[in-house]
Amino acid sequence: IFPEEDIFLFNNVLDFIQNNYDKNYYPINVLRQAAGCESDSDLLKLVRYFCGAHSKLFNITYCYYDFDGEEIPISAECYYNALISDISPISLLSGREIDDFDVNNISFYCILNVK
């Protein structure tokens, strides 16, 4: 059972998707706009719900943007370790730790899981 506030955010996202059916790329700023949430914890709760076993509405990609703006995919575990403990993430492409890590360059985005 979810708190009423969470259900409100979930419904906001579903309404946004319905009203923007041509959109399938959902970076953090669009997810915030869609849900109408401001807190990081609400945003992560929303993403966990819609990307998890409950829904699978979205596919999520965790990534790091290097200083050239190039996207480097990372695992969910590396994403959370970087945010919580400031541990440099490991690139899924090279298998090596990301050089000159800056926590401000870590991110994620969701893709609407429709066929």
PDB file of N, CA and C in Angstrom:
ATOM      1  N   ILE A   1       0.855  -1.175   0.000  1.00  0.00           N
ATOM      2  CA  ILE A   1       0.000   0.000   0.000  1.00  0.00           C
ATOM      3  C   ILE A   1       0.894   1.229   0.000  1.00  0.00           C
ATOM      4  N   PHE A   2       0.598   2.133  -0.907  1.00  0.00           N
ATOM      5  CA  PHE A   2       1.393   3.352  -1.043  1.00  0.00           C
ATOM      6  C   PHE A   2       0.697   4.520  -0.354  1.00  0.00           C
ATOM      7  N   PRO A   3       1.483   5.444   0.190  1.00  0.00           N
ATOM      8  CA  PRO A   3       0.892   6.661   0.743  1.00  0.00           C
ATOM      9  C   PRO A   3       0.189   7.463  -0.365  1.00  0.00           C
ATOM     10  N   GLU A   4      -0.787   8.230   0.030  1.00  0.00           N
ATOM     11  CA  GLU A   4      -1.573   9.015  -0.922  1.00  0.00           C
ATOM     12  C   GLU A   4      -0.694   9.952  -1.755  1.00  0.00           C
ATOM     13  N   GLU A   5       0.351  10.512  -1.132  1.00  0.00           N
ATOM     14  CA  GLU A   5       1.248  11.429  -1.858  1.00  0.00           C
ATOM     15  C   GLU A   5       1.950  10.710  -3.005  1.00  0.00           C
ATOM     16  N   ASP A   6       2.359   9.458  -2.767  1.00  0.00           N
ATOM     17  CA  ASP A   6       3.027   8.679  -3.813  1.00  0.00           C
ATOM     18  C   ASP A   6       2.067   8.367  -4.955  1.00  0.00           C
ATOM     19  N   ILE A   7       0.863   7.989  -4.615  1.00  0.00           N
ATOM     20  CA  ILE A   7      -0.138   7.682  -5.641  1.00  0.00           C
ATOM     21  C   ILE A   7      -0.407   8.912  -6.494  1.00  0.00           C
ATOM     22  N   PHE A   8      -0.435  10.078  -5.869  1.00  0.00           N
ATOM     23  CA  PHE A   8      -0.624  11.334  -6.599  1.00  0.00           C
ATOM     24  C   PHE A   8       0.497  11.529  -7.620  1.00  0.00           C
ATOM     25  N   LEU A   9       1.754  11.295  -7.205  1.00  0.00           N
ATOM     26  CA  LEU A   9       2.896  11.438  -8.116  1.00  0.00           C
ATOM     27  C   LEU A   9       2.829  10.412  -9.244  1.00  0.00           C
ATOM     28  N   PHE A  10       2.490   9.173  -8.905  1.00  0.00           N
ATOM     29  CA  PHE A  10       2.374   8.117  -9.919  1.00  0.00           C
ATOM     30  C   PHE A  10       1.316   8.487 -10.956  1.00  0.00           C
ATOM     31  N   ASN A  11       0.168   8.964 -10.483  1.00  0.00           N
ATOM     32  CA  ASN A  11      -0.907   9.363 -11.401  1.00  0.00           C
ATOM     33  C   ASN A  11      -0.504  10.543 -12.271  1.00  0.00           C
ATOM     34  N   ASN A  12       0.260  11.471 -11.703  1.00  0.00           N
ATOM     35  CA  ASN A  12       0.757  12.603 -12.496  1.00  0.00           C
ATOM     36  C   ASN A  12       1.599  12.114 -13.671  1.00  0.00           C
ATOM     37  N   VAL A  13       2.463  11.145 -13.408  1.00  0.00           N
ATOM     38  CA  VAL A  13       3.322  10.604 -14.470  1.00  0.00           C
ATOM     39  C   VAL A  13       2.475   9.931 -15.544  1.00  0.00           C
ATOM     40  N   LEU A  14       1.521   9.135 -15.131  1.00  0.00           N
ATOM     41  CA  LEU A  14       0.658   8.449 -16.103  1.00  0.00           C
ATOM     42  C   LEU A  14      -0.137   9.444 -16.944  1.00  0.00           C
ATOM     43  N   ASP A  15      -0.634  10.507 -16.312  1.00  0.00           N
ATOM     44  CA  ASP A  15      -1.346  11.553 -17.059  1.00  0.00           C
ATOM     45  C   ASP A  15      -0.413  12.239 -18.053  1.00  0.00           C
ATOM     46  N   PHE A  16       0.816  12.507 -17.620  1.00  0.00           N
ATOM     47  CA  PHE A  16       1.793  13.165 -18.490  1.00  0.00           C
ATOM     48  C   PHE A  16       2.086  12.301 -19.712  1.00  0.00           C
ATOM     49  N   ILE A  17       2.273  11.008 -19.488  1.00  0.00           N
ATOM     50  CA  ILE A  17       2.547  10.089 -20.602  1.00  0.00           C
ATOM     51  C   ILE A  17       1.373  10.072 -21.572  1.00  0.00           C
ATOM     52  N   GLN A  18       0.178  10.020 -21.035  1.00  0.00           N
ATOM     53  CA  GLN A  18      -1.015   9.993 -21.883  1.00  0.00           C
ATOM     54  C   GLN A  18      -1.141  11.275 -22.708  1.00  0.00           C
ATOM     55  N   ASN A  19      -0.788  12.402 -22.112  1.00  0.00           N
ATOM     56  CA  ASN A  19      -0.897  13.690 -22.806  1.00  0.00           C
ATOM     57  C   ASN A  19       0.294  13.993 -23.707  1.00  0.00           C
ATOM     58  N   ASN A  20       1.340  13.200 -23.604  1.00  0.00           N
ATOM     59  CA  ASN A  20       2.556  13.395 -24.406  1.00  0.00           C
ATOM     60  C   ASN A  20       2.969  12.068 -25.021  1.00  0.00           C
ATOM     61  N   TYR A  21       2.051  11.438 -25.702  1.00  0.00           N
ATOM     62  CA  TYR A  21       2.259  10.080 -26.216  1.00  0.00           C
ATOM     63  C   TYR A  21       3.409   9.977 -27.209  1.00  0.00           C
ATOM     64  N   ASP A  22       3.844  11.103 -27.773  1.00  0.00           N
ATOM     65  CA  ASP A  22       4.955  11.088 -28.727  1.00  0.00           C
ATOM     66  C   ASP A  22       6.324  11.084 -28.038  1.00  0.00           C
ATOM     67  N   LYS A  23       6.339  11.252 -26.741  1.00  0.00           N
ATOM     68  CA  LYS A  23       7.592  11.329 -25.976  1.00  0.00           C
ATOM     69  C   LYS A  23       7.934   9.948 -25.424  1.00  0.00           C
ATOM     70  N   ASN A  24       9.189   9.515 -25.621  1.00  0.00           N
ATOM     71  CA  ASN A  24       9.607   8.248 -25.018  1.00  0.00           C
ATOM     72  C   ASN A  24      10.896   8.379 -24.210  1.00  0.00           C
ATOM     73  N   TYR A  25      11.566   9.524 -24.299  1.00  0.00           N
ATOM     74  CA  TYR A  25      12.810   9.783 -23.575  1.00  0.00           C
ATOM     75  C   TYR A  25      12.488  10.664 -22.367  1.00  0.00           C
ATOM     76  N   TYR A  26      12.821  10.175 -21.180  1.00  0.00           N
ATOM     77  CA  TYR A  26      12.487  10.872 -19.943  1.00  0.00           C
ATOM     78  C   TYR A  26      13.729  11.082 -19.076  1.00  0.00           C
ATOM     79  N   PRO A  27      14.465  12.174 -19.312  1.00  0.00           N
ATOM     80  CA  PRO A  27      15.584  12.496 -18.417  1.00  0.00           C
ATOM     81  C   PRO A  27      15.032  13.017 -17.083  1.00  0.00           C
ATOM     82  N   ILE A  28      15.902  13.247 -16.146  1.00  0.00           N
ATOM     83  CA  ILE A  28      15.504  13.653 -14.795  1.00  0.00           C
ATOM     84  C   ILE A  28      14.580  14.862 -14.804  1.00  0.00           C
ATOM     85  N   ASN A  29      14.912  15.898 -15.566  1.00  0.00           N
ATOM     86  CA  ASN A  29      14.088  17.111 -15.538  1.00  0.00           C
ATOM     87  C   ASN A  29      12.675  16.856 -16.055  1.00  0.00           C
ATOM     88  N   VAL A  30      12.516  15.997 -17.047  1.00  0.00           N
ATOM     89  CA  VAL A  30      11.180  15.679 -17.570  1.00  0.00           C
ATOM     90  C   VAL A  30      10.413  14.825 -16.563  1.00  0.00           C
ATOM     91  N   LEU A  31      11.097  13.891 -15.913  1.00  0.00           N
ATOM     92  CA  LEU A  31      10.440  13.076 -14.886  1.00  0.00           C
ATOM     93  C   LEU A  31       9.943  13.942 -13.732  1.00  0.00           C
ATOM     94  N   ARG A  32      10.764  14.910 -13.325  1.00  0.00           N
ATOM     95  CA  ARG A  32      10.340  15.842 -12.261  1.00  0.00           C
ATOM     96  C   ARG A  32       9.105  16.624 -12.697  1.00  0.00           C
ATOM     97  N   GLN A  33       9.141  17.129 -13.918  1.00  0.00           N
ATOM     98  CA  GLN A  33       8.012  17.887 -14.459  1.00  0.00           C
ATOM     99  C   GLN A  33       6.765  17.003 -14.531  1.00  0.00           C
ATOM    100  N   ALA A  34       6.919  15.792 -15.032  1.00  0.00           N
ATOM    101  CA  ALA A  34       5.784  14.879 -15.197  1.00  0.00           C
ATOM    102  C   ALA A  34       5.138  14.550 -13.856  1.00  0.00           C
ATOM    103  N   ALA A  35       5.960  14.297 -12.852  1.00  0.00           N
ATOM    104  CA  ALA A  35       5.437  13.902 -11.543  1.00  0.00           C
ATOM    105  C   ALA A  35       4.988  15.090 -10.714  1.00  0.00           C
ATOM    106  N   GLY A  36       5.618  16.241 -10.966  1.00  0.00           N
ATOM    107  CA  GLY A  36       5.348  17.393 -10.124  1.00  0.00           C
ATOM    108  C   GLY A  36       6.049  17.276  -8.781  1.00  0.00           C
ATOM    109  N   CYS A  37       7.180  16.578  -8.762  1.00  0.00           N
ATOM    110  CA  CYS A  37       7.910  16.398  -7.501  1.00  0.00           C
ATOM    111  C   CYS A  37       9.179  17.240  -7.508  1.00  0.00           C
ATOM    112  N   GLU A  38       9.616  17.588  -6.306  1.00  0.00           N
ATOM    113  CA  GLU A  38      10.824  18.386  -6.165  1.00  0.00           C
ATOM    114  C   GLU A  38      11.937  17.632  -5.459  1.00  0.00           C
ATOM    115  N   SER A  39      11.589  16.701  -4.588  1.00  0.00           N
ATOM    116  CA  SER A  39      12.623  16.028  -3.797  1.00  0.00           C
ATOM    117  C   SER A  39      13.236  14.860  -4.567  1.00  0.00           C
ATOM    118  N   ASP A  40      14.526  14.660  -4.337  1.00  0.00           N
ATOM    119  CA  ASP A  40      15.236  13.538  -4.960  1.00  0.00           C
ATOM    120  C   ASP A  40      14.666  12.202  -4.496  1.00  0.00           C
ATOM    121  N   SER A  41      14.301  12.123  -3.225  1.00  0.00           N
ATOM    122  CA  SER A  41      13.779  10.851  -2.711  1.00  0.00           C
ATOM    123  C   SER A  41      12.454  10.491  -3.376  1.00  0.00           C
ATOM    124  N   ASP A  42      11.584  11.481  -3.616  1.00  0.00           N
ATOM    125  CA  ASP A  42      10.324  11.210  -4.321  1.00  0.00           C
ATOM    126  C   ASP A  42      10.591  10.772  -5.756  1.00  0.00           C
ATOM    127  N   LEU A  43      11.545  11.426  -6.393  1.00  0.00           N
ATOM    128  CA  LEU A  43      11.879  11.076  -7.772  1.00  0.00           C
ATOM    129  C   LEU A  43      12.414   9.644  -7.856  1.00  0.00           C
ATOM    130  N   LEU A  44      13.312   9.280  -6.955  1.00  0.00           N
ATOM    131  CA  LEU A  44      13.875   7.926  -6.967  1.00  0.00           C
ATOM    132  C   LEU A  44      12.815   6.876  -6.638  1.00  0.00           C
ATOM    133  N   LYS A  45      11.915   7.197  -5.729  1.00  0.00           N
ATOM    134  CA  LYS A  45      10.824   6.278  -5.399  1.00  0.00           C
ATOM    135  C   LYS A  45       9.950   6.032  -6.628  1.00  0.00           C
ATOM    136  N   LEU A  46       9.661   7.088  -7.340  1.00  0.00           N
ATOM    137  CA  LEU A  46       8.855   7.013  -8.554  1.00  0.00           C
ATOM    138  C   LEU A  46       9.553   6.162  -9.620  1.00  0.00           C
ATOM    139  N   VAL A  47      10.829   6.405  -9.818  1.00  0.00           N
ATOM    140  CA  VAL A  47      11.597   5.668 -10.825  1.00  0.00           C
ATOM    141  C   VAL A  47      11.701   4.194 -10.448  1.00  0.00           C
ATOM    142  N   ARG A  48      11.963   3.916  -9.178  1.00  0.00           N
ATOM    143  CA  ARG A  48      12.032   2.511  -8.735  1.00  0.00           C
ATOM    144  C   ARG A  48      10.712   1.796  -9.000  1.00  0.00           C
ATOM    145  N   TYR A  49       9.606   2.474  -8.769  1.00  0.00           N
ATOM    146  CA  TYR A  49       8.306   1.846  -8.996  1.00  0.00           C
ATOM    147  C   TYR A  49       8.075   1.576 -10.483  1.00  0.00           C
ATOM    148  N   PHE A  50       8.277   2.592 -11.311  1.00  0.00           N
ATOM    149  CA  PHE A  50       7.957   2.451 -12.729  1.00  0.00           C
ATOM    150  C   PHE A  50       9.009   1.676 -13.523  1.00  0.00           C
ATOM    151  N   CYS A  51      10.186   1.457 -12.944  1.00  0.00           N
ATOM    152  CA  CYS A  51      11.219   0.667 -13.626  1.00  0.00           C
ATOM    153  C   CYS A  51      11.332  -0.735 -13.045  1.00  0.00           C
ATOM    154  N   GLY A  52      10.672  -0.977 -11.939  1.00  0.00           N
ATOM    155  CA  GLY A  52      10.818  -2.247 -11.245  1.00  0.00           C
ATOM    156  C   GLY A  52       9.812  -3.290 -11.662  1.00  0.00           C
ATOM    157  N   ALA A  53       9.785  -4.344 -10.887  1.00  0.00           N
ATOM    158  CA  ALA A  53       8.925  -5.494 -11.179  1.00  0.00           C
ATOM    159  C   ALA A  53       7.447  -5.144 -11.132  1.00  0.00           C
ATOM    160  N   HIS A  54       7.099  -4.091 -10.388  1.00  0.00           N
ATOM    161  CA  HIS A  54       5.691  -3.703 -10.284  1.00  0.00           C
ATOM    162  C   HIS A  54       5.126  -3.234 -11.614  1.00  0.00           C
ATOM    163  N   SER A  55       5.935  -2.556 -12.394  1.00  0.00           N
ATOM    164  CA  SER A  55       5.397  -1.882 -13.566  1.00  0.00           C
ATOM    165  C   SER A  55       6.146  -2.171 -14.860  1.00  0.00           C
ATOM    166  N   LYS A  56       7.448  -1.931 -14.842  1.00  0.00           N
ATOM    167  CA  LYS A  56       8.290  -2.017 -16.045  1.00  0.00           C
ATOM    168  C   LYS A  56       7.813  -1.071 -17.147  1.00  0.00           C
ATOM    169  N   LEU A  57       7.234   0.048 -16.730  1.00  0.00           N
ATOM    170  CA  LEU A  57       6.797   1.065 -17.679  1.00  0.00           C
ATOM    171  C   LEU A  57       8.000   1.723 -18.356  1.00  0.00           C
ATOM    172  N   PHE A  58       9.086   1.873 -17.595  1.00  0.00           N
ATOM    173  CA  PHE A  58      10.302   2.496 -18.101  1.00  0.00           C
ATOM    174  C   PHE A  58      11.468   1.517 -18.042  1.00  0.00           C
ATOM    175  N   ASN A  59      12.400   1.682 -18.973  1.00  0.00           N
ATOM    176  CA  ASN A  59      13.733   1.084 -18.880  1.00  0.00           C
ATOM    177  C   ASN A  59      14.663   2.211 -18.468  1.00  0.00           C
ATOM    178  N   ILE A  60      15.499   1.957 -17.480  1.00  0.00           N
ATOM    179  CA  ILE A  60      16.372   3.010 -16.962  1.00  0.00           C
ATOM    180  C   ILE A  60      17.815   2.765 -17.386  1.00  0.00           C
ATOM    181  N   THR A  61      18.505   3.853 -17.686  1.00  0.00           N
ATOM    182  CA  THR A  61      19.928   3.819 -17.988  1.00  0.00           C
ATOM    183  C   THR A  61      20.628   4.762 -17.023  1.00  0.00           C
ATOM    184  N   TYR A  62      21.550   4.211 -16.236  1.00  0.00           N
ATOM    185  CA  TYR A  62      22.380   5.022 -15.349  1.00  0.00           C
ATOM    186  C   TYR A  62      23.631   5.382 -16.131  1.00  0.00           C
ATOM    187  N   CYS A  63      24.082   6.619 -15.980  1.00  0.00           N
ATOM    188  CA  CYS A  63      25.229   7.038 -16.786  1.00  0.00           C
ATOM    189  C   CYS A  63      26.036   8.127 -16.091  1.00  0.00           C
ATOM    190  N   TYR A  64      27.215   8.329 -16.641  1.00  0.00           N
ATOM    191  CA  TYR A  64      28.113   9.401 -16.237  1.00  0.00           C
ATOM    192  C   TYR A  64      28.455  10.172 -17.496  1.00  0.00           C
ATOM    193  N   TYR A  65      28.432  11.494 -17.401  1.00  0.00           N
ATOM    194  CA  TYR A  65      28.799  12.328 -18.544  1.00  0.00           C
ATOM    195  C   TYR A  65      30.201  12.871 -18.310  1.00  0.00           C
ATOM    196  N   ASP A  66      31.134  12.479 -19.191  1.00  0.00           N
ATOM    197  CA  ASP A  66      32.504  12.951 -19.031  1.00  0.00           C
ATOM    198  C   ASP A  66      32.581  14.429 -19.405  1.00  0.00           C
ATOM    199  N   PHE A  67      33.772  14.993 -19.329  1.00  0.00           N
ATOM    200  CA  PHE A  67      33.926  16.433 -19.535  1.00  0.00           C
ATOM    201  C   PHE A  67      33.663  16.859 -20.974  1.00  0.00           C
ATOM    202  N   ASP A  68      33.624  15.903 -21.895  1.00  0.00           N
ATOM    203  CA  ASP A  68      33.265  16.193 -23.286  1.00  0.00           C
ATOM    204  C   ASP A  68      31.773  16.016 -23.521  1.00  0.00           C
ATOM    205  N   GLY A  69      31.031  15.643 -22.463  1.00  0.00           N
ATOM    206  CA  GLY A  69      29.597  15.416 -22.595  1.00  0.00           C
ATOM    207  C   GLY A  69      29.245  14.041 -23.125  1.00  0.00           C
ATOM    208  N   GLU A  70      30.253  13.174 -23.257  1.00  0.00           N
ATOM    209  CA  GLU A  70      30.006  11.819 -23.742  1.00  0.00           C
ATOM    210  C   GLU A  70      29.376  10.979 -22.632  1.00  0.00           C
ATOM    211  N   GLU A  71      28.341  10.236 -22.987  1.00  0.00           N
ATOM    212  CA  GLU A  71      27.639   9.388 -22.026  1.00  0.00           C
ATOM    213  C   GLU A  71      28.393   8.077 -21.820  1.00  0.00           C
ATOM    214  N   ILE A  72      28.665   7.769 -20.555  1.00  0.00           N
ATOM    215  CA  ILE A  72      29.322   6.518 -20.194  1.00  0.00           C
ATOM    216  C   ILE A  72      28.341   5.724 -19.335  1.00  0.00           C
ATOM    217  N   PRO A  73      27.854   4.585 -19.817  1.00  0.00           N
ATOM    218  CA  PRO A  73      26.909   3.806 -19.015  1.00  0.00           C
ATOM    219  C   PRO A  73      27.581   3.191 -17.787  1.00  0.00           C
ATOM    220  N   ILE A  74      26.842   3.204 -16.673  1.00  0.00           N
ATOM    221  CA  ILE A  74      27.309   2.614 -15.420  1.00  0.00           C
ATOM    222  C   ILE A  74      26.171   1.769 -14.835  1.00  0.00           C
ATOM    223  N   SER A  75      26.495   0.943 -13.864  1.00  0.00           N
ATOM    224  CA  SER A  75      25.474   0.100 -13.232  1.00  0.00           C
ATOM    225  C   SER A  75      24.692   0.902 -12.192  1.00  0.00           C
ATOM    226  N   ALA A  76      23.544   0.369 -11.807  1.00  0.00           N
ATOM    227  CA  ALA A  76      22.735   0.987 -10.753  1.00  0.00           C
ATOM    228  C   ALA A  76      23.525   1.035  -9.446  1.00  0.00           C
ATOM    229  N   GLU A  77      24.243  -0.037  -9.153  1.00  0.00           N
ATOM    230  CA  GLU A  77      25.040  -0.087  -7.930  1.00  0.00           C
ATOM    231  C   GLU A  77      26.097   1.018  -7.925  1.00  0.00           C
ATOM    232  N   CYS A  78      26.783   1.203  -9.044  1.00  0.00           N
ATOM    233  CA  CYS A  78      27.789   2.268  -9.140  1.00  0.00           C
ATOM    234  C   CYS A  78      27.149   3.647  -8.996  1.00  0.00           C
ATOM    235  N   TYR A  79      25.978   3.807  -9.572  1.00  0.00           N
ATOM    236  CA  TYR A  79      25.255   5.083  -9.476  1.00  0.00           C
ATOM    237  C   TYR A  79      25.000   5.431  -8.007  1.00  0.00           C
ATOM    238  N   TYR A  80      24.418   4.493  -7.263  1.00  0.00           N
ATOM    239  CA  TYR A  80      24.088   4.755  -5.861  1.00  0.00           C
ATOM    240  C   TYR A  80      25.340   4.899  -5.003  1.00  0.00           C
ATOM    241  N   ASN A  81      26.372   4.095  -5.257  1.00  0.00           N
ATOM    242  CA  ASN A  81      27.626   4.235  -4.509  1.00  0.00           C
ATOM    243  C   ASN A  81      28.268   5.593  -4.755  1.00  0.00           C
ATOM    244  N   ALA A  82      28.181   6.074  -5.977  1.00  0.00           N
ATOM    245  CA  ALA A  82      28.742   7.386  -6.305  1.00  0.00           C
ATOM    246  C   ALA A  82      27.986   8.491  -5.579  1.00  0.00           C
ATOM    247  N   LEU A  83      26.665   8.405  -5.574  1.00  0.00           N
ATOM    248  CA  LEU A  83      25.863   9.435  -4.914  1.00  0.00           C
ATOM    249  C   LEU A  83      26.024   9.414  -3.402  1.00  0.00           C
ATOM    250  N   ILE A  84      25.992   8.235  -2.831  1.00  0.00           N
ATOM    251  CA  ILE A  84      25.984   8.109  -1.374  1.00  0.00           C
ATOM    252  C   ILE A  84      27.381   8.222  -0.776  1.00  0.00           C
ATOM    253  N   SER A  85      28.361   7.581  -1.412  1.00  0.00           N
ATOM    254  CA  SER A  85      29.702   7.489  -0.819  1.00  0.00           C
ATOM    255  C   SER A  85      30.783   8.197  -1.619  1.00  0.00           C
ATOM    256  N   ASP A  86      30.401   8.869  -2.698  1.00  0.00           N
ATOM    257  CA  ASP A  86      31.353   9.582  -3.555  1.00  0.00           C
ATOM    258  C   ASP A  86      32.438   8.642  -4.099  1.00  0.00           C
ATOM    259  N   ILE A  87      32.027   7.416  -4.421  1.00  0.00           N
ATOM    260  CA  ILE A  87      32.940   6.418  -4.988  1.00  0.00           C
ATOM    261  C   ILE A  87      32.873   6.514  -6.504  1.00  0.00           C
ATOM    262  N   SER A  88      34.018   6.605  -7.136  1.00  0.00           N
ATOM    263  CA  SER A  88      34.072   6.713  -8.591  1.00  0.00           C
ATOM    264  C   SER A  88      33.421   5.496  -9.242  1.00  0.00           C
ATOM    265  N   PRO A  89      32.469   5.708 -10.159  1.00  0.00           N
ATOM    266  CA  PRO A  89      31.805   4.576 -10.810  1.00  0.00           C
ATOM    267  C   PRO A  89      32.715   3.876 -11.813  1.00  0.00           C
ATOM    268  N   ILE A  90      32.313   2.670 -12.172  1.00  0.00           N
ATOM    269  CA  ILE A  90      33.050   1.871 -13.153  1.00  0.00           C
ATOM    270  C   ILE A  90      32.266   1.862 -14.454  1.00  0.00           C
ATOM    271  N   SER A  91      32.949   2.165 -15.531  1.00  0.00           N
ATOM    272  CA  SER A  91      32.330   2.174 -16.852  1.00  0.00           C
ATOM    273  C   SER A  91      31.914   0.764 -17.247  1.00  0.00           C
ATOM    274  N   LEU A  92      30.687   0.623 -17.734  1.00  0.00           N
ATOM    275  CA  LEU A  92      30.249  -0.678 -18.244  1.00  0.00           C
ATOM    276  C   LEU A  92      30.925  -1.001 -19.575  1.00  0.00           C
ATOM    277  N   LEU A  93      31.445   0.016 -20.254  1.00  0.00           N
ATOM    278  CA  LEU A  93      32.109  -0.194 -21.543  1.00  0.00           C
ATOM    279  C   LEU A  93      33.541  -0.685 -21.384  1.00  0.00           C
ATOM    280  N   SER A  94      34.293  -0.039 -20.492  1.00  0.00           N
ATOM    281  CA  SER A  94      35.712  -0.379 -20.350  1.00  0.00           C
ATOM    282  C   SER A  94      35.999  -1.278 -19.155  1.00  0.00           C
ATOM    283  N   GLY A  95      35.105  -1.292 -18.169  1.00  0.00           N
ATOM    284  CA  GLY A  95      35.354  -2.055 -16.952  1.00  0.00           C
ATOM    285  C   GLY A  95      36.314  -1.362 -16.003  1.00  0.00           C
ATOM    286  N   ARG A  96      36.652  -0.110 -16.315  1.00  0.00           N
ATOM    287  CA  ARG A  96      37.596   0.644 -15.485  1.00  0.00           C
ATOM    288  C   ARG A  96      36.886   1.771 -14.751  1.00  0.00           C
ATOM    289  N   GLU A  97      37.510   2.177 -13.652  1.00  0.00           N
ATOM    290  CA  GLU A  97      37.010   3.297 -12.876  1.00  0.00           C
ATOM    291  C   GLU A  97      37.088   4.571 -13.717  1.00  0.00           C
ATOM    292  N   ILE A  98      36.102   5.429 -13.573  1.00  0.00           N
ATOM    293  CA  ILE A  98      36.066   6.674 -14.338  1.00  0.00           C
ATOM    294  C   ILE A  98      37.068   7.655 -13.743  1.00  0.00           C
ATOM    295  N   ASP A  99      37.948   8.185 -14.596  1.00  0.00           N
ATOM    296  CA  ASP A  99      38.967   9.148 -14.171  1.00  0.00           C
ATOM    297  C   ASP A  99      38.337  10.506 -13.894  1.00  0.00           C
ATOM    298  N   ASP A 100      38.936  11.247 -12.973  1.00  0.00           N
ATOM    299  CA  ASP A 100      38.508  12.613 -12.653  1.00  0.00           C
ATOM    300  C   ASP A 100      37.012  12.684 -12.366  1.00  0.00           C
ATOM    301  N   PHE A 101      36.527  11.752 -11.568  1.00  0.00           N
ATOM    302  CA  PHE A 101      35.107  11.654 -11.242  1.00  0.00           C
ATOM    303  C   PHE A 101      34.589  12.920 -10.572  1.00  0.00           C
ATOM    304  N   ASP A 102      33.451  13.409 -11.050  1.00  0.00           N
ATOM    305  CA  ASP A 102      32.738  14.544 -10.463  1.00  0.00           C
ATOM    306  C   ASP A 102      31.288  14.112 -10.280  1.00  0.00           C
ATOM    307  N   VAL A 103      30.835  14.048  -9.044  1.00  0.00           N
ATOM    308  CA  VAL A 103      29.487  13.552  -8.749  1.00  0.00           C
ATOM    309  C   VAL A 103      28.400  14.353  -9.469  1.00  0.00           C
ATOM    310  N   ASN A 104      28.691  15.584  -9.839  1.00  0.00           N
ATOM    311  CA  ASN A 104      27.711  16.412 -10.550  1.00  0.00           C
ATOM    312  C   ASN A 104      27.437  15.917 -11.970  1.00  0.00           C
ATOM    313  N   ASN A 105      28.283  15.026 -12.474  1.00  0.00           N
ATOM    314  CA  ASN A 105      28.125  14.526 -13.846  1.00  0.00           C
ATOM    315  C   ASN A 105      27.444  13.162 -13.908  1.00  0.00           C
ATOM    316  N   ILE A 106      26.926  12.712 -12.795  1.00  0.00           N
ATOM    317  CA  ILE A 106      26.246  11.421 -12.766  1.00  0.00           C
ATOM    318  C   ILE A 106      24.751  11.656 -12.983  1.00  0.00           C
ATOM    319  N   SER A 107      24.127  10.731 -13.688  1.00  0.00           N
ATOM    320  CA  SER A 107      22.722  10.942 -14.018  1.00  0.00           C
ATOM    321  C   SER A 107      22.049   9.625 -14.387  1.00  0.00           C
ATOM    322  N   PHE A 108      20.812   9.738 -14.799  1.00  0.00           N
ATOM    323  CA  PHE A 108      20.080   8.611 -15.363  1.00  0.00           C
ATOM    324  C   PHE A 108      18.979   9.171 -16.244  1.00  0.00           C
ATOM    325  N   TYR A 109      18.449   8.318 -17.076  1.00  0.00           N
ATOM    326  CA  TYR A 109      17.265   8.669 -17.860  1.00  0.00           C
ATOM    327  C   TYR A 109      16.447   7.411 -18.067  1.00  0.00           C
ATOM    328  N   CYS A 110      15.196   7.611 -18.395  1.00  0.00           N
ATOM    329  CA  CYS A 110      14.285   6.490 -18.620  1.00  0.00           C
ATOM    330  C   CYS A 110      13.753   6.543 -20.042  1.00  0.00           C
ATOM    331  N   ILE A 111      13.536   5.370 -20.594  1.00  0.00           N
ATOM    332  CA  ILE A 111      12.919   5.221 -21.911  1.00  0.00           C
ATOM    333  C   ILE A 111      11.599   4.486 -21.694  1.00  0.00           C
ATOM    334  N   LEU A 112      10.543   5.038 -22.258  1.00  0.00           N
ATOM    335  CA  LEU A 112       9.231   4.417 -22.148  1.00  0.00           C
ATOM    336  C   LEU A 112       9.273   3.035 -22.784  1.00  0.00           C
ATOM    337  N   ASN A 113       8.840   2.038 -22.066  1.00  0.00           N
ATOM    338  CA  ASN A 113       8.917   0.649 -22.508  1.00  0.00           C
ATOM    339  C   ASN A 113       7.637   0.277 -23.259  1.00  0.00           C
ATOM    340  N   VAL A 114       7.574   0.706 -24.504  1.00  0.00           N
ATOM    341  CA  VAL A 114       6.412   0.392 -25.348  1.00  0.00           C
ATOM    342  C   VAL A 114       6.898  -0.240 -26.640  1.00  0.00           C
ATOM    343  N   LYS A 115       6.059  -1.064 -27.221  1.00  0.00           N
ATOM    344  CA  LYS A 115       6.434  -1.715 -28.477  1.00  0.00           C
ATOM    345  C   LYS A 115       5.400  -1.437 -29.526  1.00  0.00           C
TER     346      LYS A 115
END
